Amino acid sequence: MTRSNLYITLTNGKAIICVADSSSAPEQAYIVESLLLPLLALNDTDAELALLGEHCTPNELRVNATYRYEINLQTKVVAFFEERYFYKTDIFRKGENLTQRYTNYLLTIENKPL
């Protein structure tokens, strides 16, 4: 299981955090196809929060998260990074930019034959 911390700007501009606890690497399909693509298709804050509530734990970040997604629902942009937690300072920081993995997965599913 790969865990990800999600940093989200909702359509109304409000910033929230949550943690996705399962299958959150893009190549595992679940997070992209069940959460990110449906979320990006919405333009309603209440619907966004409802969908997020189904797939992640709100108002939490996990120190053992492997990844970080930064999702801006106003601009419809997703960025994907390694997540770094520093125990000594109790600070989360983004690590290496892995957005190309997310983009590559999107290209893979777009090119799948029907």
PDB file of N, CA and C in Angstrom:
ATOM      1  N   MET A   1       0.845  -1.174   0.000  1.00  0.00           N
ATOM      2  CA  MET A   1       0.000   0.000   0.000  1.00  0.00           C
ATOM      3  C   MET A   1       0.892   1.240   0.000  1.00  0.00           C
ATOM      4  N   THR A   2       0.559   2.170  -0.852  1.00  0.00           N
ATOM      5  CA  THR A   2       1.272   3.450  -0.863  1.00  0.00           C
ATOM      6  C   THR A   2       0.320   4.530  -0.375  1.00  0.00           C
ATOM      7  N   ARG A   3       0.807   5.348   0.487  1.00  0.00           N
ATOM      8  CA  ARG A   3       0.002   6.391   1.117  1.00  0.00           C
ATOM      9  C   ARG A   3       0.460   7.738   0.577  1.00  0.00           C
ATOM     10  N   SER A   4      -0.501   8.658   0.401  1.00  0.00           N
ATOM     11  CA  SER A   4      -0.174  10.001  -0.081  1.00  0.00           C
ATOM     12  C   SER A   4      -0.876  11.065   0.742  1.00  0.00           C
ATOM     13  N   ASN A   5      -0.162  12.144   0.985  1.00  0.00           N
ATOM     14  CA  ASN A   5      -0.764  13.336   1.565  1.00  0.00           C
ATOM     15  C   ASN A   5      -1.251  14.203   0.406  1.00  0.00           C
ATOM     16  N   LEU A   6      -2.471  14.706   0.522  1.00  0.00           N
ATOM     17  CA  LEU A   6      -3.075  15.524  -0.522  1.00  0.00           C
ATOM     18  C   LEU A   6      -3.238  16.954  -0.017  1.00  0.00           C
ATOM     19  N   TYR A   7      -2.734  17.886  -0.795  1.00  0.00           N
ATOM     20  CA  TYR A   7      -2.857  19.311  -0.494  1.00  0.00           C
ATOM     21  C   TYR A   7      -3.741  19.880  -1.599  1.00  0.00           C
ATOM     22  N   ILE A   8      -4.947  20.289  -1.245  1.00  0.00           N
ATOM     23  CA  ILE A   8      -5.957  20.589  -2.248  1.00  0.00           C
ATOM     24  C   ILE A   8      -6.473  22.013  -2.104  1.00  0.00           C
ATOM     25  N   THR A   9      -6.586  22.697  -3.233  1.00  0.00           N
ATOM     26  CA  THR A   9      -7.296  23.969  -3.288  1.00  0.00           C
ATOM     27  C   THR A   9      -8.621  23.689  -3.976  1.00  0.00           C
ATOM     28  N   LEU A  10      -9.704  23.843  -3.225  1.00  0.00           N
ATOM     29  CA  LEU A  10     -11.037  23.586  -3.766  1.00  0.00           C
ATOM     30  C   LEU A  10     -11.438  24.663  -4.766  1.00  0.00           C
ATOM     31  N   THR A  11     -12.502  24.406  -5.502  1.00  0.00           N
ATOM     32  CA  THR A  11     -13.000  25.359  -6.498  1.00  0.00           C
ATOM     33  C   THR A  11     -13.282  26.728  -5.879  1.00  0.00           C
ATOM     34  N   ASN A  12     -13.726  26.745  -4.619  1.00  0.00           N
ATOM     35  CA  ASN A  12     -14.041  28.021  -3.969  1.00  0.00           C
ATOM     36  C   ASN A  12     -12.800  28.721  -3.404  1.00  0.00           C
ATOM     37  N   GLY A  13     -11.618  28.123  -3.586  1.00  0.00           N
ATOM     38  CA  GLY A  13     -10.372  28.730  -3.123  1.00  0.00           C
ATOM     39  C   GLY A  13      -9.906  28.272  -1.755  1.00  0.00           C
ATOM     40  N   LYS A  14     -10.735  27.523  -1.031  1.00  0.00           N
ATOM     41  CA  LYS A  14     -10.353  27.051   0.288  1.00  0.00           C
ATOM     42  C   LYS A  14      -9.307  25.947   0.159  1.00  0.00           C
ATOM     43  N   ALA A  15      -8.269  26.021   0.977  1.00  0.00           N
ATOM     44  CA  ALA A  15      -7.215  25.011   0.993  1.00  0.00           C
ATOM     45  C   ALA A  15      -7.523  23.976   2.062  1.00  0.00           C
ATOM     46  N   ILE A  16      -7.396  22.700   1.700  1.00  0.00           N
ATOM     47  CA  ILE A  16      -7.597  21.620   2.660  1.00  0.00           C
ATOM     48  C   ILE A  16      -6.482  20.598   2.494  1.00  0.00           C
ATOM     49  N   ILE A  17      -6.353  19.745   3.503  1.00  0.00           N
ATOM     50  CA  ILE A  17      -5.414  18.628   3.446  1.00  0.00           C
ATOM     51  C   ILE A  17      -6.176  17.354   3.762  1.00  0.00           C
ATOM     52  N   CYS A  18      -5.668  16.248   3.248  1.00  0.00           N
ATOM     53  CA  CYS A  18      -6.197  14.943   3.616  1.00  0.00           C
ATOM     54  C   CYS A  18      -5.168  13.895   3.225  1.00  0.00           C
ATOM     55  N   VAL A  19      -5.402  12.662   3.653  1.00  0.00           N
ATOM     56  CA  VAL A  19      -4.483  11.573   3.345  1.00  0.00           C
ATOM     57  C   VAL A  19      -5.236  10.464   2.630  1.00  0.00           C
ATOM     58  N   ALA A  20      -4.655   9.989   1.542  1.00  0.00           N
ATOM     59  CA  ALA A  20      -5.183   8.836   0.819  1.00  0.00           C
ATOM     60  C   ALA A  20      -4.379   7.623   1.272  1.00  0.00           C
ATOM     61  N   ASP A  21      -5.062   6.637   1.807  1.00  0.00           N
ATOM     62  CA  ASP A  21      -4.373   5.519   2.443  1.00  0.00           C
ATOM     63  C   ASP A  21      -4.100   4.321   1.558  1.00  0.00           C
ATOM     64  N   SER A  22      -4.652   4.278   0.369  1.00  0.00           N
ATOM     65  CA  SER A  22      -4.418   3.071  -0.418  1.00  0.00           C
ATOM     66  C   SER A  22      -4.180   3.371  -1.890  1.00  0.00           C
ATOM     67  N   SER A  23      -3.316   2.602  -2.471  1.00  0.00           N
ATOM     68  CA  SER A  23      -3.057   2.636  -3.919  1.00  0.00           C
ATOM     69  C   SER A  23      -2.932   4.043  -4.473  1.00  0.00           C
ATOM     70  N   SER A  24      -1.990   4.793  -3.966  1.00  0.00           N
ATOM     71  CA  SER A  24      -1.915   6.185  -4.383  1.00  0.00           C
ATOM     72  C   SER A  24      -0.781   6.513  -5.345  1.00  0.00           C
ATOM     73  N   ALA A  25      -0.050   5.516  -5.808  1.00  0.00           N
ATOM     74  CA  ALA A  25       0.900   5.762  -6.896  1.00  0.00           C
ATOM     75  C   ALA A  25       0.093   5.837  -8.191  1.00  0.00           C
ATOM     76  N   PRO A  26       0.417   6.747  -9.088  1.00  0.00           N
ATOM     77  CA  PRO A  26      -0.387   6.888 -10.310  1.00  0.00           C
ATOM     78  C   PRO A  26      -0.522   5.585 -11.087  1.00  0.00           C
ATOM     79  N   GLU A  27       0.550   4.817 -11.167  1.00  0.00           N
ATOM     80  CA  GLU A  27       0.552   3.581 -11.943  1.00  0.00           C
ATOM     81  C   GLU A  27      -0.376   2.518 -11.363  1.00  0.00           C
ATOM     82  N   GLN A  28      -0.783   2.681 -10.129  1.00  0.00           N
ATOM     83  CA  GLN A  28      -1.710   1.735  -9.512  1.00  0.00           C
ATOM     84  C   GLN A  28      -3.153   2.032  -9.911  1.00  0.00           C
ATOM     85  N   ALA A  29      -3.366   3.086 -10.669  1.00  0.00           N
ATOM     86  CA  ALA A  29      -4.639   3.445 -11.297  1.00  0.00           C
ATOM     87  C   ALA A  29      -5.701   3.978 -10.343  1.00  0.00           C
ATOM     88  N   TYR A  30      -5.828   3.410  -9.166  1.00  0.00           N
ATOM     89  CA  TYR A  30      -6.945   3.752  -8.286  1.00  0.00           C
ATOM     90  C   TYR A  30      -7.071   5.253  -8.039  1.00  0.00           C
ATOM     91  N   ILE A  31      -6.019   5.887  -7.577  1.00  0.00           N
ATOM     92  CA  ILE A  31      -6.126   7.297  -7.213  1.00  0.00           C
ATOM     93  C   ILE A  31      -6.426   8.176  -8.417  1.00  0.00           C
ATOM     94  N   VAL A  32      -5.861   7.857  -9.564  1.00  0.00           N
ATOM     95  CA  VAL A  32      -6.085   8.671 -10.754  1.00  0.00           C
ATOM     96  C   VAL A  32      -7.508   8.475 -11.272  1.00  0.00           C
ATOM     97  N   GLU A  33      -7.905   7.230 -11.438  1.00  0.00           N
ATOM     98  CA  GLU A  33      -9.189   6.948 -12.074  1.00  0.00           C
ATOM     99  C   GLU A  33     -10.384   7.073 -11.140  1.00  0.00           C
ATOM    100  N   SER A  34     -10.194   6.816  -9.850  1.00  0.00           N
ATOM    101  CA  SER A  34     -11.322   6.885  -8.905  1.00  0.00           C
ATOM    102  C   SER A  34     -11.430   8.209  -8.178  1.00  0.00           C
ATOM    103  N   LEU A  35     -10.320   8.931  -8.068  1.00  0.00           N
ATOM    104  CA  LEU A  35     -10.351  10.183  -7.319  1.00  0.00           C
ATOM    105  C   LEU A  35      -9.969  11.401  -8.158  1.00  0.00           C
ATOM    106  N   LEU A  36      -8.779  11.412  -8.719  1.00  0.00           N
ATOM    107  CA  LEU A  36      -8.289  12.638  -9.355  1.00  0.00           C
ATOM    108  C   LEU A  36      -9.100  13.050 -10.582  1.00  0.00           C
ATOM    109  N   LEU A  37      -9.306  12.150 -11.528  1.00  0.00           N
ATOM    110  CA  LEU A  37     -10.047  12.531 -12.729  1.00  0.00           C
ATOM    111  C   LEU A  37     -11.495  12.933 -12.420  1.00  0.00           C
ATOM    112  N   PRO A  38     -12.225  12.169 -11.578  1.00  0.00           N
ATOM    113  CA  PRO A  38     -13.571  12.629 -11.210  1.00  0.00           C
ATOM    114  C   PRO A  38     -13.552  13.964 -10.462  1.00  0.00           C
ATOM    115  N   LEU A  39     -12.570  14.158  -9.600  1.00  0.00           N
ATOM    116  CA  LEU A  39     -12.456  15.407  -8.840  1.00  0.00           C
ATOM    117  C   LEU A  39     -12.210  16.596  -9.767  1.00  0.00           C
ATOM    118  N   LEU A  40     -11.330  16.410 -10.740  1.00  0.00           N
ATOM    119  CA  LEU A  40     -11.027  17.491 -11.683  1.00  0.00           C
ATOM    120  C   LEU A  40     -12.223  17.825 -12.573  1.00  0.00           C
ATOM    121  N   ALA A  41     -13.138  16.894 -12.749  1.00  0.00           N
ATOM    122  CA  ALA A  41     -14.323  17.124 -13.583  1.00  0.00           C
ATOM    123  C   ALA A  41     -15.405  17.922 -12.849  1.00  0.00           C
ATOM    124  N   LEU A  42     -15.311  17.990 -11.540  1.00  0.00           N
ATOM    125  CA  LEU A  42     -16.321  18.709 -10.751  1.00  0.00           C
ATOM    126  C   LEU A  42     -16.010  20.200 -10.708  1.00  0.00           C
ATOM    127  N   ASN A  43     -17.028  20.992 -10.519  1.00  0.00           N
ATOM    128  CA  ASN A  43     -16.875  22.436 -10.313  1.00  0.00           C
ATOM    129  C   ASN A  43     -17.781  22.894  -9.183  1.00  0.00           C
ATOM    130  N   ASP A  44     -17.919  22.054  -8.183  1.00  0.00           N
ATOM    131  CA  ASP A  44     -18.817  22.327  -7.066  1.00  0.00           C
ATOM    132  C   ASP A  44     -18.128  21.894  -5.780  1.00  0.00           C
ATOM    133  N   THR A  45     -17.914  22.836  -4.888  1.00  0.00           N
ATOM    134  CA  THR A  45     -17.174  22.562  -3.659  1.00  0.00           C
ATOM    135  C   THR A  45     -17.811  21.460  -2.825  1.00  0.00           C
ATOM    136  N   ASP A  46     -19.122  21.452  -2.695  1.00  0.00           N
ATOM    137  CA  ASP A  46     -19.789  20.418  -1.899  1.00  0.00           C
ATOM    138  C   ASP A  46     -19.579  19.031  -2.500  1.00  0.00           C
ATOM    139  N   ALA A  47     -19.678  18.925  -3.815  1.00  0.00           N
ATOM    140  CA  ALA A  47     -19.443  17.647  -4.491  1.00  0.00           C
ATOM    141  C   ALA A  47     -17.976  17.230  -4.356  1.00  0.00           C
ATOM    142  N   GLU A  48     -17.069  18.191  -4.428  1.00  0.00           N
ATOM    143  CA  GLU A  48     -15.639  17.894  -4.252  1.00  0.00           C
ATOM    144  C   GLU A  48     -15.384  17.326  -2.862  1.00  0.00           C
ATOM    145  N   LEU A  49     -15.943  17.963  -1.841  1.00  0.00           N
ATOM    146  CA  LEU A  49     -15.755  17.492  -0.469  1.00  0.00           C
ATOM    147  C   LEU A  49     -16.368  16.116  -0.260  1.00  0.00           C
ATOM    148  N   ALA A  50     -17.516  15.863  -0.870  1.00  0.00           N
ATOM    149  CA  ALA A  50     -18.157  14.552  -0.748  1.00  0.00           C
ATOM    150  C   ALA A  50     -17.280  13.465  -1.362  1.00  0.00           C
ATOM    151  N   LEU A  51     -16.747  13.715  -2.547  1.00  0.00           N
ATOM    152  CA  LEU A  51     -15.871  12.741  -3.201  1.00  0.00           C
ATOM    153  C   LEU A  51     -14.595  12.513  -2.389  1.00  0.00           C
ATOM    154  N   LEU A  52     -14.016  13.582  -1.898  1.00  0.00           N
ATOM    155  CA  LEU A  52     -12.818  13.454  -1.063  1.00  0.00           C
ATOM    156  C   LEU A  52     -13.115  12.636   0.191  1.00  0.00           C
ATOM    157  N   GLY A  53     -14.289  12.847   0.774  1.00  0.00           N
ATOM    158  CA  GLY A  53     -14.675  12.099   1.966  1.00  0.00           C
ATOM    159  C   GLY A  53     -14.775  10.607   1.740  1.00  0.00           C
ATOM    160  N   GLU A  54     -15.069  10.205   0.502  1.00  0.00           N
ATOM    161  CA  GLU A  54     -15.161   8.780   0.168  1.00  0.00           C
ATOM    162  C   GLU A  54     -13.785   8.127   0.032  1.00  0.00           C
ATOM    163  N   HIS A  55     -12.769   8.917  -0.324  1.00  0.00           N
ATOM    164  CA  HIS A  55     -11.483   8.338  -0.688  1.00  0.00           C
ATOM    165  C   HIS A  55     -10.309   8.714   0.216  1.00  0.00           C
ATOM    166  N   CYS A  56     -10.505   9.634   1.140  1.00  0.00           N
ATOM    167  CA  CYS A  56      -9.378  10.002   1.995  1.00  0.00           C
ATOM    168  C   CYS A  56      -9.855  10.480   3.362  1.00  0.00           C
ATOM    169  N   THR A  57      -8.894  10.560   4.269  1.00  0.00           N
ATOM    170  CA  THR A  57      -9.169  11.006   5.629  1.00  0.00           C
ATOM    171  C   THR A  57      -8.880  12.504   5.706  1.00  0.00           C
ATOM    172  N   PRO A  58      -9.914  13.333   5.980  1.00  0.00           N
ATOM    173  CA  PRO A  58      -9.716  14.779   5.982  1.00  0.00           C
ATOM    174  C   PRO A  58      -8.936  15.278   7.192  1.00  0.00           C
ATOM    175  N   ASN A  59      -8.307  16.423   6.995  1.00  0.00           N
ATOM    176  CA  ASN A  59      -7.602  17.141   8.061  1.00  0.00           C
ATOM    177  C   ASN A  59      -6.487  16.338   8.720  1.00  0.00           C
ATOM    178  N   GLU A  60      -5.867  15.463   7.945  1.00  0.00           N
ATOM    179  CA  GLU A  60      -4.745  14.680   8.451  1.00  0.00           C
ATOM    180  C   GLU A  60      -3.640  14.618   7.417  1.00  0.00           C
ATOM    181  N   LEU A  61      -2.420  14.522   7.896  1.00  0.00           N
ATOM    182  CA  LEU A  61      -1.263  14.200   7.083  1.00  0.00           C
ATOM    183  C   LEU A  61      -0.566  13.050   7.791  1.00  0.00           C
ATOM    184  N   ARG A  62       0.052  12.143   7.045  1.00  0.00           N
ATOM    185  CA  ARG A  62       0.730  11.007   7.645  1.00  0.00           C
ATOM    186  C   ARG A  62       2.229  11.120   7.451  1.00  0.00           C
ATOM    187  N   VAL A  63       2.961  10.885   8.518  1.00  0.00           N
ATOM    188  CA  VAL A  63       4.422  10.963   8.454  1.00  0.00           C
ATOM    189  C   VAL A  63       5.003   9.847   7.592  1.00  0.00           C
ATOM    190  N   ASN A  64       4.267   8.762   7.421  1.00  0.00           N
ATOM    191  CA  ASN A  64       4.756   7.646   6.615  1.00  0.00           C
ATOM    192  C   ASN A  64       4.208   7.681   5.187  1.00  0.00           C
ATOM    193  N   ALA A  65       3.726   8.839   4.746  1.00  0.00           N
ATOM    194  CA  ALA A  65       3.268   8.976   3.362  1.00  0.00           C
ATOM    195  C   ALA A  65       4.460   8.933   2.412  1.00  0.00           C
ATOM    196  N   THR A  66       4.277   8.241   1.329  1.00  0.00           N
ATOM    197  CA  THR A  66       5.325   8.128   0.312  1.00  0.00           C
ATOM    198  C   THR A  66       5.276   9.305  -0.651  1.00  0.00           C
ATOM    199  N   TYR A  67       4.055   9.759  -0.944  1.00  0.00           N
ATOM    200  CA  TYR A  67       3.859  10.772  -1.981  1.00  0.00           C
ATOM    201  C   TYR A  67       3.078  11.967  -1.484  1.00  0.00           C
ATOM    202  N   ARG A  68       3.174  13.035  -2.267  1.00  0.00           N
ATOM    203  CA  ARG A  68       2.411  14.259  -2.039  1.00  0.00           C
ATOM    204  C   ARG A  68       1.776  14.646  -3.372  1.00  0.00           C
ATOM    205  N   TYR A  69       0.477  14.864  -3.339  1.00  0.00           N
ATOM    206  CA  TYR A  69      -0.229  15.426  -4.488  1.00  0.00           C
ATOM    207  C   TYR A  69      -0.631  16.846  -4.127  1.00  0.00           C
ATOM    208  N   GLU A  70      -0.351  17.775  -5.009  1.00  0.00           N
ATOM    209  CA  GLU A  70      -0.840  19.143  -4.878  1.00  0.00           C
ATOM    210  C   GLU A  70      -1.861  19.327  -5.988  1.00  0.00           C
ATOM    211  N   ILE A  71      -3.106  19.527  -5.582  1.00  0.00           N
ATOM    212  CA  ILE A  71      -4.233  19.543  -6.510  1.00  0.00           C
ATOM    213  C   ILE A  71      -4.926  20.891  -6.422  1.00  0.00           C
ATOM    214  N   ASN A  72      -4.956  21.611  -7.528  1.00  0.00           N
ATOM    215  CA  ASN A  72      -5.639  22.905  -7.568  1.00  0.00           C
ATOM    216  C   ASN A  72      -6.866  22.741  -8.447  1.00  0.00           C
ATOM    217  N   LEU A  73      -8.037  22.745  -7.821  1.00  0.00           N
ATOM    218  CA  LEU A  73      -9.280  22.540  -8.560  1.00  0.00           C
ATOM    219  C   LEU A  73      -9.777  23.808  -9.236  1.00  0.00           C
ATOM    220  N   GLN A  74      -9.174  24.941  -8.927  1.00  0.00           N
ATOM    221  CA  GLN A  74      -9.496  26.173  -9.640  1.00  0.00           C
ATOM    222  C   GLN A  74      -8.832  26.181 -11.012  1.00  0.00           C
ATOM    223  N   THR A  75      -7.578  25.747 -11.053  1.00  0.00           N
ATOM    224  CA  THR A  75      -6.817  25.762 -12.307  1.00  0.00           C
ATOM    225  C   THR A  75      -6.786  24.387 -12.982  1.00  0.00           C
ATOM    226  N   LYS A  76      -7.281  23.358 -12.276  1.00  0.00           N
ATOM    227  CA  LYS A  76      -7.301  21.972 -12.774  1.00  0.00           C
ATOM    228  C   LYS A  76      -5.890  21.435 -13.006  1.00  0.00           C
ATOM    229  N   VAL A  77      -4.980  21.756 -12.097  1.00  0.00           N
ATOM    230  CA  VAL A  77      -3.587  21.327 -12.203  1.00  0.00           C
ATOM    231  C   VAL A  77      -3.267  20.377 -11.051  1.00  0.00           C
ATOM    232  N   VAL A  78      -2.594  19.275 -11.395  1.00  0.00           N
ATOM    233  CA  VAL A  78      -2.142  18.305 -10.402  1.00  0.00           C
ATOM    234  C   VAL A  78      -0.625  18.211 -10.494  1.00  0.00           C
ATOM    235  N   ALA A  79       0.034  18.311  -9.355  1.00  0.00           N
ATOM    236  CA  ALA A  79       1.483  18.102  -9.275  1.00  0.00           C
ATOM    237  C   ALA A  79       1.707  16.942  -8.307  1.00  0.00           C
ATOM    238  N   PHE A  80       2.752  16.184  -8.552  1.00  0.00           N
ATOM    239  CA  PHE A  80       3.007  14.952  -7.817  1.00  0.00           C
ATOM    240  C   PHE A  80       4.473  14.934  -7.384  1.00  0.00           C
ATOM    241  N   PHE A  81       4.713  14.673  -6.095  1.00  0.00           N
ATOM    242  CA  PHE A  81       6.056  14.733  -5.523  1.00  0.00           C
ATOM    243  C   PHE A  81       6.280  13.581  -4.556  1.00  0.00           C
ATOM    244  N   GLU A  82       7.540  13.343  -4.213  1.00  0.00           N
ATOM    245  CA  GLU A  82       7.842  12.533  -3.044  1.00  0.00           C
ATOM    246  C   GLU A  82       7.485  13.379  -1.833  1.00  0.00           C
ATOM    247  N   GLU A  83       7.058  12.745  -0.757  1.00  0.00           N
ATOM    248  CA  GLU A  83       6.750  13.461   0.479  1.00  0.00           C
ATOM    249  C   GLU A  83       7.870  13.220   1.464  1.00  0.00           C
ATOM    250  N   ARG A  84       8.333  14.247   2.095  1.00  0.00           N
ATOM    251  CA  ARG A  84       9.409  14.165   3.087  1.00  0.00           C
ATOM    252  C   ARG A  84       8.884  14.695   4.425  1.00  0.00           C
ATOM    253  N   TYR A  85       9.124  13.934   5.463  1.00  0.00           N
ATOM    254  CA  TYR A  85       8.771  14.383   6.811  1.00  0.00           C
ATOM    255  C   TYR A  85      10.031  14.392   7.647  1.00  0.00           C
ATOM    256  N   PHE A  86      10.248  15.481   8.349  1.00  0.00           N
ATOM    257  CA  PHE A  86      11.418  15.637   9.203  1.00  0.00           C
ATOM    258  C   PHE A  86      10.973  15.549  10.658  1.00  0.00           C
ATOM    259  N   TYR A  87      11.294  14.449  11.295  1.00  0.00           N
ATOM    260  CA  TYR A  87      10.865  14.206  12.669  1.00  0.00           C
ATOM    261  C   TYR A  87      11.397  15.251  13.632  1.00  0.00           C
ATOM    262  N   LYS A  88      12.626  15.671  13.436  1.00  0.00           N
ATOM    263  CA  LYS A  88      13.255  16.614  14.355  1.00  0.00           C
ATOM    264  C   LYS A  88      12.511  17.951  14.391  1.00  0.00           C
ATOM    265  N   THR A  89      12.024  18.398  13.230  1.00  0.00           N
ATOM    266  CA  THR A  89      11.347  19.700  13.149  1.00  0.00           C
ATOM    267  C   THR A  89       9.834  19.580  13.000  1.00  0.00           C
ATOM    268  N   ASP A  90       9.319  18.350  12.829  1.00  0.00           N
ATOM    269  CA  ASP A  90       7.887  18.099  12.632  1.00  0.00           C
ATOM    270  C   ASP A  90       7.346  18.876  11.424  1.00  0.00           C
ATOM    271  N   ILE A  91       8.102  18.816  10.319  1.00  0.00           N
ATOM    272  CA  ILE A  91       7.737  19.567   9.113  1.00  0.00           C
ATOM    273  C   ILE A  91       7.667  18.611   7.920  1.00  0.00           C
ATOM    274  N   PHE A  92       6.617  18.789   7.118  1.00  0.00           N
ATOM    275  CA  PHE A  92       6.482  18.083   5.846  1.00  0.00           C
ATOM    276  C   PHE A  92       7.038  18.982   4.748  1.00  0.00           C
ATOM    277  N   ARG A  93       7.799  18.389   3.835  1.00  0.00           N
ATOM    278  CA  ARG A  93       8.323  19.133   2.680  1.00  0.00           C
ATOM    279  C   ARG A  93       8.194  18.250   1.446  1.00  0.00           C
ATOM    280  N   LYS A  94       8.005  18.923   0.316  1.00  0.00           N
ATOM    281  CA  LYS A  94       7.956  18.125  -0.903  1.00  0.00           C
ATOM    282  C   LYS A  94       9.367  17.778  -1.337  1.00  0.00           C
ATOM    283  N   GLY A  95       9.482  16.548  -1.827  1.00  0.00           N
ATOM    284  CA  GLY A  95      10.756  16.046  -2.317  1.00  0.00           C
ATOM    285  C   GLY A  95      10.819  16.166  -3.826  1.00  0.00           C
ATOM    286  N   GLU A  96      11.392  15.154  -4.435  1.00  0.00           N
ATOM    287  CA  GLU A  96      11.588  15.148  -5.881  1.00  0.00           C
ATOM    288  C   GLU A  96      10.250  15.287  -6.622  1.00  0.00           C
ATOM    289  N   ASN A  97      10.263  16.086  -7.685  1.00  0.00           N
ATOM    290  CA  ASN A  97       9.076  16.276  -8.513  1.00  0.00           C
ATOM    291  C   ASN A  97       8.880  15.028  -9.374  1.00  0.00           C
ATOM    292  N   LEU A  98       7.746  14.364  -9.173  1.00  0.00           N
ATOM    293  CA  LEU A  98       7.424  13.134  -9.893  1.00  0.00           C
ATOM    294  C   LEU A  98       6.234  13.322 -10.832  1.00  0.00           C
ATOM    295  N   THR A  99       5.878  14.551 -11.122  1.00  0.00           N
ATOM    296  CA  THR A  99       4.683  14.837 -11.912  1.00  0.00           C
ATOM    297  C   THR A  99       4.703  14.105 -13.255  1.00  0.00           C
ATOM    298  N   GLN A 100       5.873  13.874 -13.817  1.00  0.00           N
ATOM    299  CA  GLN A 100       5.965  13.175 -15.099  1.00  0.00           C
ATOM    300  C   GLN A 100       5.369  11.768 -15.013  1.00  0.00           C
ATOM    301  N   ARG A 101       5.491  11.118 -13.871  1.00  0.00           N
ATOM    302  CA  ARG A 101       4.868   9.790 -13.695  1.00  0.00           C
ATOM    303  C   ARG A 101       3.360   9.882 -13.804  1.00  0.00           C
ATOM    304  N   TYR A 102       2.771  10.899 -13.203  1.00  0.00           N
ATOM    305  CA  TYR A 102       1.328  11.128 -13.294  1.00  0.00           C
ATOM    306  C   TYR A 102       0.941  11.415 -14.744  1.00  0.00           C
ATOM    307  N   THR A 103       1.679  12.300 -15.395  1.00  0.00           N
ATOM    308  CA  THR A 103       1.406  12.660 -16.787  1.00  0.00           C
ATOM    309  C   THR A 103       1.538  11.441 -17.699  1.00  0.00           C
ATOM    310  N   ASN A 104       2.573  10.643 -17.490  1.00  0.00           N
ATOM    311  CA  ASN A 104       2.756   9.433 -18.292  1.00  0.00           C
ATOM    312  C   ASN A 104       1.591   8.465 -18.119  1.00  0.00           C
ATOM    313  N   TYR A 105       1.094   8.343 -16.893  1.00  0.00           N
ATOM    314  CA  TYR A 105      -0.052   7.454 -16.679  1.00  0.00           C
ATOM    315  C   TYR A 105      -1.284   7.984 -17.407  1.00  0.00           C
ATOM    316  N   LEU A 106      -1.501   9.285 -17.381  1.00  0.00           N
ATOM    317  CA  LEU A 106      -2.637   9.863 -18.113  1.00  0.00           C
ATOM    318  C   LEU A 106      -2.530   9.546 -19.602  1.00  0.00           C
ATOM    319  N   LEU A 107      -1.341   9.656 -20.163  1.00  0.00           N
ATOM    320  CA  LEU A 107      -1.139   9.333 -21.582  1.00  0.00           C
ATOM    321  C   LEU A 107      -1.421   7.857 -21.848  1.00  0.00           C
ATOM    322  N   THR A 108      -1.050   6.995 -20.916  1.00  0.00           N
ATOM    323  CA  THR A 108      -1.290   5.568 -21.070  1.00  0.00           C
ATOM    324  C   THR A 108      -2.787   5.266 -21.141  1.00  0.00           C
ATOM    325  N   ILE A 109      -3.558   5.851 -20.244  1.00  0.00           N
ATOM    326  CA  ILE A 109      -4.997   5.540 -20.256  1.00  0.00           C
ATOM    327  C   ILE A 109      -5.719   6.228 -21.425  1.00  0.00           C
ATOM    328  N   GLU A 110      -5.197   7.359 -21.895  1.00  0.00           N
ATOM    329  CA  GLU A 110      -5.790   8.010 -23.061  1.00  0.00           C
ATOM    330  C   GLU A 110      -5.567   7.192 -24.326  1.00  0.00           C
ATOM    331  N   ASN A 111      -4.445   6.481 -24.391  1.00  0.00           N
ATOM    332  CA  ASN A 111      -4.098   5.707 -25.575  1.00  0.00           C
ATOM    333  C   ASN A 111      -4.560   4.252 -25.534  1.00  0.00           C
ATOM    334  N   LYS A 112      -5.278   3.865 -24.466  1.00  0.00           N
ATOM    335  CA  LYS A 112      -5.782   2.496 -24.392  1.00  0.00           C
ATOM    336  C   LYS A 112      -6.873   2.294 -25.438  1.00  0.00           C
ATOM    337  N   PRO A 113      -6.819   1.183 -26.161  1.00  0.00           N
ATOM    338  CA  PRO A 113      -7.906   0.907 -27.108  1.00  0.00           C
ATOM    339  C   PRO A 113      -9.201   0.622 -26.363  1.00  0.00           C
ATOM    340  N   LEU A 114     -10.307   1.045 -26.935  1.00  0.00           N
ATOM    341  CA  LEU A 114     -11.605   0.813 -26.286  1.00  0.00           C
ATOM    342  C   LEU A 114     -12.075  -0.580 -26.403  1.00  0.00           C
TER     343      LEU A 114
END
